[in-house]
N, C-alpha and C. Protein backbone atom coordinates (compact mmCIF):
# COMPACT_ATOMS: atom_id res chain seq x y z
N MET A 1 -239.30 8.80 95.09
CA MET A 1 -239.21 9.71 96.21
C MET A 1 -240.57 10.38 96.40
N LYS A 2 -241.03 10.38 97.62
CA LYS A 2 -242.32 10.96 97.95
C LYS A 2 -242.17 12.46 98.17
N THR A 3 -243.11 13.23 97.66
CA THR A 3 -243.08 14.68 97.86
C THR A 3 -244.37 15.11 98.54
N ARG A 4 -244.28 16.23 99.21
CA ARG A 4 -245.48 16.79 99.82
C ARG A 4 -245.62 18.24 99.39
N THR A 5 -246.84 18.66 99.21
CA THR A 5 -247.11 20.03 98.82
C THR A 5 -247.16 20.89 100.07
N ILE A 6 -246.43 21.98 100.06
CA ILE A 6 -246.43 22.89 101.19
C ILE A 6 -247.60 23.86 101.02
N PRO A 7 -248.51 23.92 101.99
CA PRO A 7 -249.62 24.88 101.88
C PRO A 7 -249.07 26.31 101.79
N THR A 8 -249.35 26.94 100.65
CA THR A 8 -248.79 28.26 100.36
C THR A 8 -249.90 29.23 99.99
N TRP A 9 -249.83 30.42 100.56
CA TRP A 9 -250.73 31.51 100.18
C TRP A 9 -249.97 32.53 99.37
N VAL A 10 -250.68 33.17 98.46
CA VAL A 10 -250.17 34.31 97.72
C VAL A 10 -251.06 35.48 98.09
N VAL A 11 -250.46 36.51 98.68
CA VAL A 11 -251.19 37.69 99.12
C VAL A 11 -250.85 38.82 98.16
N VAL A 12 -251.87 39.32 97.47
CA VAL A 12 -251.71 40.39 96.50
C VAL A 12 -252.40 41.62 97.09
N ALA A 13 -251.60 42.68 97.32
CA ALA A 13 -252.16 43.83 98.01
C ALA A 13 -251.59 45.14 97.49
N ASP A 14 -252.32 46.19 97.78
CA ASP A 14 -251.80 47.55 97.63
C ASP A 14 -252.26 48.30 98.87
N SER A 15 -252.30 49.59 98.84
CA SER A 15 -252.66 50.33 100.06
C SER A 15 -254.16 50.35 100.33
N ALA A 16 -254.98 49.80 99.41
CA ALA A 16 -256.42 49.86 99.59
C ALA A 16 -257.15 48.53 99.36
N LYS A 17 -256.44 47.51 98.89
CA LYS A 17 -257.09 46.25 98.55
C LYS A 17 -256.13 45.09 98.80
N ALA A 18 -256.66 43.98 99.30
CA ALA A 18 -255.85 42.78 99.50
C ALA A 18 -256.63 41.56 99.03
N LEU A 19 -255.95 40.72 98.27
CA LEU A 19 -256.52 39.48 97.76
C LEU A 19 -255.70 38.32 98.31
N PHE A 20 -256.37 37.23 98.68
CA PHE A 20 -255.70 36.08 99.28
C PHE A 20 -255.98 34.84 98.43
N PHE A 21 -254.90 34.23 97.96
CA PHE A 21 -255.01 33.04 97.12
C PHE A 21 -254.21 31.90 97.72
N ALA A 22 -254.65 30.68 97.45
CA ALA A 22 -253.89 29.49 97.81
C ALA A 22 -253.26 28.96 96.53
N LEU A 23 -252.01 28.55 96.63
CA LEU A 23 -251.30 27.97 95.49
C LEU A 23 -251.67 26.50 95.43
N GLU A 24 -252.23 26.07 94.30
CA GLU A 24 -252.67 24.69 94.14
C GLU A 24 -251.88 24.00 93.05
N SER A 25 -251.78 22.69 93.19
CA SER A 25 -251.12 21.88 92.17
C SER A 25 -252.06 20.74 91.81
N ASP A 26 -252.41 20.67 90.54
CA ASP A 26 -253.31 19.62 90.07
C ASP A 26 -252.70 18.98 88.84
N ASN A 27 -252.27 17.72 88.97
CA ASN A 27 -251.64 16.99 87.86
C ASN A 27 -250.45 17.76 87.29
N GLY A 28 -249.65 18.35 88.15
CA GLY A 28 -248.47 19.07 87.71
C GLY A 28 -248.73 20.50 87.26
N THR A 29 -249.99 20.90 87.18
CA THR A 29 -250.33 22.26 86.78
C THR A 29 -250.61 23.08 88.03
N ARG A 30 -249.97 24.22 88.10
CA ARG A 30 -250.16 25.08 89.27
C ARG A 30 -251.09 26.23 88.93
N SER A 31 -251.87 26.64 89.93
CA SER A 31 -252.79 27.76 89.74
C SER A 31 -253.11 28.37 91.10
N LEU A 32 -253.83 29.48 91.06
CA LEU A 32 -254.26 30.15 92.28
C LEU A 32 -255.76 30.02 92.42
N ARG A 33 -256.22 29.77 93.63
CA ARG A 33 -257.65 29.80 93.93
C ARG A 33 -257.84 30.70 95.13
N ARG A 34 -258.98 31.33 95.22
CA ARG A 34 -259.26 32.24 96.33
C ARG A 34 -259.21 31.47 97.64
N ALA A 35 -258.45 32.00 98.59
CA ALA A 35 -258.30 31.34 99.90
C ALA A 35 -259.12 32.04 100.98
N ALA A 36 -259.42 33.32 100.76
CA ALA A 36 -260.18 34.10 101.75
C ALA A 36 -260.84 35.26 101.02
N GLU A 37 -261.79 35.86 101.69
CA GLU A 37 -262.48 37.02 101.11
C GLU A 37 -261.51 38.20 100.97
N PRO A 38 -261.65 38.97 99.91
CA PRO A 38 -260.78 40.15 99.76
C PRO A 38 -261.02 41.15 100.89
N MET A 39 -260.01 41.94 101.18
CA MET A 39 -260.12 43.02 102.16
C MET A 39 -260.03 44.33 101.40
N ALA A 40 -260.77 45.34 101.86
CA ALA A 40 -260.71 46.66 101.23
C ALA A 40 -260.62 47.73 102.30
N SER A 41 -259.85 48.74 101.98
CA SER A 41 -259.71 49.89 102.86
C SER A 41 -260.64 50.99 102.35
N HIS A 42 -260.84 51.98 103.15
CA HIS A 42 -261.64 53.12 102.72
C HIS A 42 -260.72 54.28 102.36
N ILE A 43 -259.59 53.96 101.82
CA ILE A 43 -258.55 54.94 101.53
C ILE A 43 -258.97 55.92 100.44
N GLU A 44 -259.95 55.56 99.63
CA GLU A 44 -260.35 56.42 98.53
C GLU A 44 -260.99 57.72 99.01
N ARG A 45 -261.33 57.76 100.29
CA ARG A 45 -261.97 58.96 100.82
C ARG A 45 -261.03 60.16 100.72
N HIS A 46 -261.59 61.33 100.70
CA HIS A 46 -260.81 62.56 100.71
C HIS A 46 -260.22 62.77 102.09
N SER A 47 -259.12 63.46 102.17
CA SER A 47 -258.50 63.73 103.47
C SER A 47 -259.47 64.42 104.42
N GLY A 48 -260.32 65.28 103.88
CA GLY A 48 -261.29 65.98 104.70
C GLY A 48 -262.27 65.04 105.37
N ASP A 49 -262.54 63.88 104.74
CA ASP A 49 -263.43 62.90 105.33
C ASP A 49 -262.75 62.11 106.44
N LEU A 50 -261.43 62.11 106.46
CA LEU A 50 -260.69 61.32 107.43
C LEU A 50 -260.43 62.06 108.74
N LYS A 51 -260.61 63.36 108.74
CA LYS A 51 -260.40 64.12 109.96
C LYS A 51 -261.69 64.82 110.36
N SER A 52 -261.74 65.32 111.57
CA SER A 52 -263.00 65.80 112.11
C SER A 52 -263.38 67.21 111.65
N ASP A 53 -262.44 68.13 111.51
CA ASP A 53 -262.81 69.49 111.16
C ASP A 53 -261.64 70.21 110.50
N LYS A 54 -261.83 71.50 110.26
CA LYS A 54 -260.78 72.30 109.65
C LYS A 54 -259.59 72.42 110.60
N PRO A 55 -258.40 72.67 110.04
CA PRO A 55 -257.24 72.83 110.92
C PRO A 55 -257.43 74.03 111.84
N GLY A 56 -256.76 73.97 112.98
CA GLY A 56 -256.84 75.08 113.93
C GLY A 56 -256.17 76.33 113.38
N ARG A 57 -256.36 77.42 114.09
CA ARG A 57 -255.78 78.68 113.66
C ARG A 57 -255.01 79.29 114.83
N LYS A 58 -254.01 80.10 114.51
CA LYS A 58 -253.26 80.79 115.54
C LYS A 58 -252.85 82.16 115.03
N PHE A 59 -252.52 83.03 115.95
CA PHE A 59 -252.06 84.36 115.57
C PHE A 59 -250.63 84.28 115.05
N GLY A 60 -250.33 85.10 114.06
CA GLY A 60 -248.98 85.14 113.50
C GLY A 60 -247.98 85.68 114.50
N SER A 61 -246.71 85.34 114.35
CA SER A 61 -245.68 85.76 115.30
C SER A 61 -245.32 87.24 115.13
N ALA A 62 -245.64 87.82 113.99
CA ALA A 62 -245.30 89.22 113.75
C ALA A 62 -246.29 90.18 114.40
N GLY A 63 -247.37 89.66 114.92
CA GLY A 63 -248.38 90.51 115.54
C GLY A 63 -249.32 91.08 114.50
N GLY A 64 -250.04 92.11 114.84
CA GLY A 64 -250.95 92.74 113.89
C GLY A 64 -252.28 92.03 113.75
N GLY A 65 -252.53 91.02 114.56
CA GLY A 65 -253.82 90.35 114.53
C GLY A 65 -254.02 89.40 113.35
N VAL A 66 -252.97 89.11 112.61
CA VAL A 66 -253.09 88.18 111.47
C VAL A 66 -253.13 86.75 112.01
N ARG A 67 -254.08 85.97 111.49
CA ARG A 67 -254.21 84.58 111.92
C ARG A 67 -253.87 83.65 110.76
N HIS A 68 -253.27 82.50 111.09
CA HIS A 68 -252.87 81.53 110.08
C HIS A 68 -253.42 80.16 110.45
N GLY A 69 -253.71 79.38 109.41
CA GLY A 69 -254.12 78.00 109.65
C GLY A 69 -252.93 77.17 110.09
N VAL A 70 -253.18 76.19 110.95
CA VAL A 70 -252.13 75.30 111.44
C VAL A 70 -252.30 73.97 110.73
N GLU A 71 -251.26 73.54 110.05
CA GLU A 71 -251.31 72.25 109.35
C GLU A 71 -251.32 71.10 110.35
N PRO A 72 -252.07 70.05 110.06
CA PRO A 72 -252.09 68.91 110.97
C PRO A 72 -250.71 68.23 111.00
N HIS A 73 -250.41 67.56 112.10
CA HIS A 73 -249.14 66.87 112.25
C HIS A 73 -249.15 65.51 111.57
N HIS A 74 -250.30 65.04 111.14
CA HIS A 74 -250.42 63.70 110.58
C HIS A 74 -250.91 63.77 109.14
N ASP A 75 -250.39 62.88 108.34
CA ASP A 75 -250.90 62.67 106.99
C ASP A 75 -251.96 61.58 107.12
N TYR A 76 -253.22 61.96 107.02
CA TYR A 76 -254.30 61.02 107.29
C TYR A 76 -254.34 59.86 106.30
N HIS A 77 -253.95 60.11 105.05
CA HIS A 77 -253.88 59.01 104.08
C HIS A 77 -252.80 58.01 104.48
N LYS A 78 -251.67 58.52 104.93
CA LYS A 78 -250.58 57.63 105.35
C LYS A 78 -250.99 56.80 106.56
N LEU A 79 -251.70 57.42 107.51
CA LEU A 79 -252.20 56.68 108.67
C LEU A 79 -253.19 55.60 108.26
N GLU A 80 -254.06 55.92 107.31
CA GLU A 80 -255.04 54.95 106.83
C GLU A 80 -254.35 53.77 106.14
N LYS A 81 -253.32 54.06 105.35
CA LYS A 81 -252.56 53.01 104.67
C LYS A 81 -251.86 52.12 105.69
N HIS A 82 -251.29 52.72 106.72
CA HIS A 82 -250.63 51.96 107.77
C HIS A 82 -251.63 51.05 108.50
N ASP A 83 -252.80 51.59 108.82
CA ASP A 83 -253.83 50.80 109.50
C ASP A 83 -254.28 49.63 108.64
N PHE A 84 -254.37 49.85 107.31
CA PHE A 84 -254.77 48.77 106.42
C PHE A 84 -253.69 47.70 106.36
N ALA A 85 -252.43 48.10 106.27
CA ALA A 85 -251.32 47.13 106.27
C ALA A 85 -251.35 46.32 107.56
N ARG A 86 -251.61 46.97 108.68
CA ARG A 86 -251.70 46.27 109.97
C ARG A 86 -252.85 45.25 109.94
N ALA A 87 -254.00 45.63 109.37
CA ALA A 87 -255.13 44.71 109.29
C ALA A 87 -254.79 43.48 108.45
N ILE A 88 -254.08 43.68 107.36
CA ILE A 88 -253.66 42.55 106.51
C ILE A 88 -252.76 41.61 107.30
N VAL A 89 -251.77 42.16 107.97
CA VAL A 89 -250.82 41.36 108.74
C VAL A 89 -251.53 40.62 109.88
N GLN A 90 -252.47 41.28 110.54
CA GLN A 90 -253.21 40.62 111.62
C GLN A 90 -254.03 39.45 111.08
N PHE A 91 -254.64 39.63 109.90
CA PHE A 91 -255.39 38.54 109.29
C PHE A 91 -254.45 37.39 108.92
N LEU A 92 -253.29 37.71 108.36
CA LEU A 92 -252.32 36.67 108.01
C LEU A 92 -251.85 35.92 109.25
N GLU A 93 -251.58 36.64 110.32
CA GLU A 93 -251.12 36.00 111.56
C GLU A 93 -252.20 35.04 112.10
N LYS A 94 -253.44 35.48 112.09
CA LYS A 94 -254.54 34.64 112.56
C LYS A 94 -254.65 33.37 111.71
N SER A 95 -254.54 33.52 110.39
CA SER A 95 -254.62 32.37 109.49
C SER A 95 -253.41 31.46 109.65
N PHE A 96 -252.24 32.05 109.87
CA PHE A 96 -251.01 31.28 110.09
C PHE A 96 -251.12 30.47 111.37
N ASP A 97 -251.62 31.09 112.43
CA ASP A 97 -251.79 30.40 113.71
C ASP A 97 -252.81 29.27 113.61
N ALA A 98 -253.77 29.41 112.69
CA ALA A 98 -254.77 28.36 112.47
C ALA A 98 -254.26 27.28 111.51
N HIS A 99 -252.99 27.38 111.11
CA HIS A 99 -252.34 26.42 110.21
C HIS A 99 -253.01 26.34 108.84
N THR A 100 -253.53 27.46 108.38
CA THR A 100 -254.15 27.53 107.06
C THR A 100 -253.09 27.47 105.97
N PHE A 101 -251.91 28.00 106.25
CA PHE A 101 -250.79 27.94 105.32
C PHE A 101 -249.50 27.83 106.13
N GLU A 102 -248.44 27.34 105.46
CA GLU A 102 -247.13 27.23 106.10
C GLU A 102 -246.17 28.31 105.62
N ARG A 103 -246.39 28.77 104.41
CA ARG A 103 -245.56 29.83 103.86
C ARG A 103 -246.42 30.70 102.96
N PHE A 104 -245.89 31.89 102.66
CA PHE A 104 -246.68 32.80 101.84
C PHE A 104 -245.77 33.68 101.00
N VAL A 105 -246.39 34.22 99.95
CA VAL A 105 -245.73 35.14 99.02
C VAL A 105 -246.46 36.47 99.13
N LEU A 106 -245.72 37.56 99.26
CA LEU A 106 -246.33 38.89 99.29
C LEU A 106 -246.10 39.56 97.94
N VAL A 107 -247.18 40.00 97.32
CA VAL A 107 -247.11 40.73 96.05
C VAL A 107 -247.74 42.09 96.31
N ALA A 108 -246.92 43.14 96.28
CA ALA A 108 -247.40 44.48 96.59
C ALA A 108 -246.38 45.51 96.12
N PRO A 109 -246.81 46.76 95.98
CA PRO A 109 -245.83 47.81 95.66
C PRO A 109 -244.77 47.89 96.76
N GLU A 110 -243.60 48.42 96.42
CA GLU A 110 -242.46 48.49 97.34
C GLU A 110 -242.84 49.06 98.71
N ARG A 111 -243.54 50.18 98.72
CA ARG A 111 -243.88 50.82 100.00
C ARG A 111 -244.77 49.93 100.85
N SER A 112 -245.75 49.29 100.25
CA SER A 112 -246.64 48.40 101.00
C SER A 112 -245.88 47.17 101.50
N LEU A 113 -244.97 46.64 100.67
CA LEU A 113 -244.14 45.51 101.10
C LEU A 113 -243.35 45.88 102.35
N GLY A 114 -242.71 47.02 102.30
CA GLY A 114 -241.91 47.45 103.44
C GLY A 114 -242.74 47.63 104.70
N GLU A 115 -243.90 48.21 104.54
CA GLU A 115 -244.80 48.43 105.69
C GLU A 115 -245.22 47.10 106.30
N MET A 116 -245.64 46.15 105.46
CA MET A 116 -246.08 44.85 105.97
C MET A 116 -244.92 44.06 106.57
N ARG A 117 -243.75 44.15 105.96
CA ARG A 117 -242.58 43.46 106.47
C ARG A 117 -242.25 43.93 107.89
N LYS A 118 -242.36 45.25 108.14
CA LYS A 118 -242.09 45.80 109.47
C LYS A 118 -243.11 45.32 110.49
N LEU A 119 -244.35 45.15 110.06
CA LEU A 119 -245.43 44.77 110.97
C LEU A 119 -245.52 43.26 111.19
N LEU A 120 -244.85 42.48 110.37
CA LEU A 120 -244.93 41.02 110.44
C LEU A 120 -244.35 40.51 111.76
N PRO A 121 -245.07 39.65 112.47
CA PRO A 121 -244.53 39.09 113.71
C PRO A 121 -243.29 38.24 113.41
N ARG A 122 -242.38 38.20 114.35
CA ARG A 122 -241.12 37.46 114.18
C ARG A 122 -241.37 36.00 113.82
N LYS A 123 -242.39 35.37 114.43
CA LYS A 123 -242.66 33.95 114.17
C LYS A 123 -243.01 33.69 112.71
N MET A 124 -243.50 34.73 111.99
CA MET A 124 -243.89 34.54 110.59
C MET A 124 -242.77 34.86 109.62
N GLY A 125 -241.67 35.40 110.10
CA GLY A 125 -240.55 35.73 109.22
C GLY A 125 -240.10 34.58 108.35
N PRO A 126 -239.86 33.39 108.93
CA PRO A 126 -239.42 32.26 108.10
C PRO A 126 -240.49 31.78 107.11
N ALA A 127 -241.75 32.09 107.36
CA ALA A 127 -242.83 31.66 106.47
C ALA A 127 -242.94 32.55 105.24
N LEU A 128 -242.32 33.74 105.27
CA LEU A 128 -242.35 34.63 104.11
C LEU A 128 -241.40 34.06 103.07
N TRP A 129 -241.96 33.43 102.05
CA TRP A 129 -241.18 32.69 101.07
C TRP A 129 -240.58 33.60 100.02
N HIS A 130 -241.37 34.56 99.54
CA HIS A 130 -240.90 35.41 98.45
C HIS A 130 -241.69 36.71 98.44
N GLU A 131 -241.07 37.78 97.94
CA GLU A 131 -241.74 39.07 97.76
C GLU A 131 -241.66 39.46 96.30
N VAL A 132 -242.78 39.97 95.78
CA VAL A 132 -242.83 40.44 94.39
C VAL A 132 -243.26 41.91 94.44
N PRO A 133 -242.37 42.84 94.08
CA PRO A 133 -242.67 44.27 94.21
C PRO A 133 -243.48 44.84 93.05
N HIS A 134 -244.74 44.43 92.94
CA HIS A 134 -245.63 44.92 91.88
C HIS A 134 -247.04 45.07 92.42
N ASP A 135 -247.83 45.90 91.77
CA ASP A 135 -249.24 46.05 92.11
C ASP A 135 -250.06 45.26 91.08
N PHE A 136 -250.53 44.09 91.49
CA PHE A 136 -251.33 43.24 90.61
C PHE A 136 -252.77 43.11 91.10
N THR A 137 -253.24 44.03 91.93
CA THR A 137 -254.57 43.90 92.52
C THR A 137 -255.70 44.00 91.50
N LYS A 138 -255.44 44.57 90.35
CA LYS A 138 -256.49 44.71 89.34
C LYS A 138 -256.55 43.52 88.38
N LEU A 139 -255.66 42.54 88.57
CA LEU A 139 -255.60 41.37 87.69
C LEU A 139 -256.39 40.22 88.28
N ASP A 140 -256.81 39.29 87.43
CA ASP A 140 -257.48 38.10 87.93
C ASP A 140 -256.44 37.06 88.34
N ALA A 141 -256.89 35.99 88.99
CA ALA A 141 -255.98 34.98 89.54
C ALA A 141 -255.07 34.37 88.48
N ALA A 142 -255.62 34.07 87.31
CA ALA A 142 -254.82 33.44 86.26
C ALA A 142 -253.71 34.37 85.78
N GLU A 143 -254.02 35.64 85.61
CA GLU A 143 -253.02 36.61 85.16
C GLU A 143 -251.96 36.85 86.23
N ILE A 144 -252.38 36.89 87.48
CA ILE A 144 -251.42 37.05 88.58
C ILE A 144 -250.44 35.89 88.57
N TRP A 145 -250.97 34.67 88.45
CA TRP A 145 -250.10 33.49 88.44
C TRP A 145 -249.12 33.53 87.27
N LEU A 146 -249.58 33.92 86.10
CA LEU A 146 -248.68 34.01 84.95
C LEU A 146 -247.54 34.99 85.20
N ARG A 147 -247.80 36.05 85.93
CA ARG A 147 -246.77 37.06 86.18
C ARG A 147 -245.82 36.71 87.31
N ILE A 148 -246.29 35.95 88.31
CA ILE A 148 -245.39 35.65 89.43
C ILE A 148 -244.74 34.28 89.33
N ALA A 149 -245.31 33.36 88.57
CA ALA A 149 -244.78 31.99 88.49
C ALA A 149 -243.31 31.95 88.10
N PRO A 150 -242.86 32.74 87.11
CA PRO A 150 -241.43 32.66 86.76
C PRO A 150 -240.50 33.07 87.91
N GLN A 151 -241.00 33.83 88.87
CA GLN A 151 -240.17 34.30 89.97
C GLN A 151 -240.12 33.32 91.15
N LEU A 152 -240.99 32.33 91.12
CA LEU A 152 -241.07 31.39 92.23
C LEU A 152 -240.40 30.07 91.87
N LYS A 153 -239.79 29.48 92.86
CA LYS A 153 -239.21 28.15 92.68
C LYS A 153 -240.32 27.13 92.90
N GLU A 154 -240.00 25.86 92.74
CA GLU A 154 -240.98 24.79 92.98
C GLU A 154 -241.53 24.92 94.40
N HIS A 155 -242.81 24.67 94.57
CA HIS A 155 -243.39 24.73 95.91
C HIS A 155 -243.58 23.33 96.49
N VAL A 156 -242.81 22.39 95.97
CA VAL A 156 -242.86 21.03 96.46
C VAL A 156 -241.50 20.71 97.06
N GLN A 157 -241.49 20.09 98.22
CA GLN A 157 -240.22 19.68 98.83
C GLN A 157 -240.28 18.21 99.17
N PRO A 158 -239.14 17.54 99.27
CA PRO A 158 -239.16 16.13 99.66
C PRO A 158 -239.86 15.96 100.99
N GLY A 159 -240.66 14.92 101.11
CA GLY A 159 -241.40 14.73 102.35
C GLY A 159 -241.17 13.44 103.02
């Protein structure tokens, strides 16, 4: 029986870093190789660096000339994380449309997984093969593969 290897990417991400690997099979041995350049967010910045100036001020409701700072309506770190998740998904969509891979695995903390899942275009839903709810961005490709391989089924299908 003839088999074909399905082009598969493994995307390892957190809120500030994304790594892209291709799943390879060589003589029955599977491994990960870098498929694209890593992406990095500037999330490490302080909140003060993400906004333009100090919060506004207003007079207190009790009168007496007392003024209070007004808290911003947005969590700038959360907005930055959302923008980074969107950038990852846009890159994946572009690569998917270019037929670079047919299916992919997302490896990320729960919150990042949920964010990317919401942003994923409908056409890519069936291509999402598996999700692994862990942060492995600080590991090398070999260690990542050792940790996710037991959770994945064979990536070969009859052809």
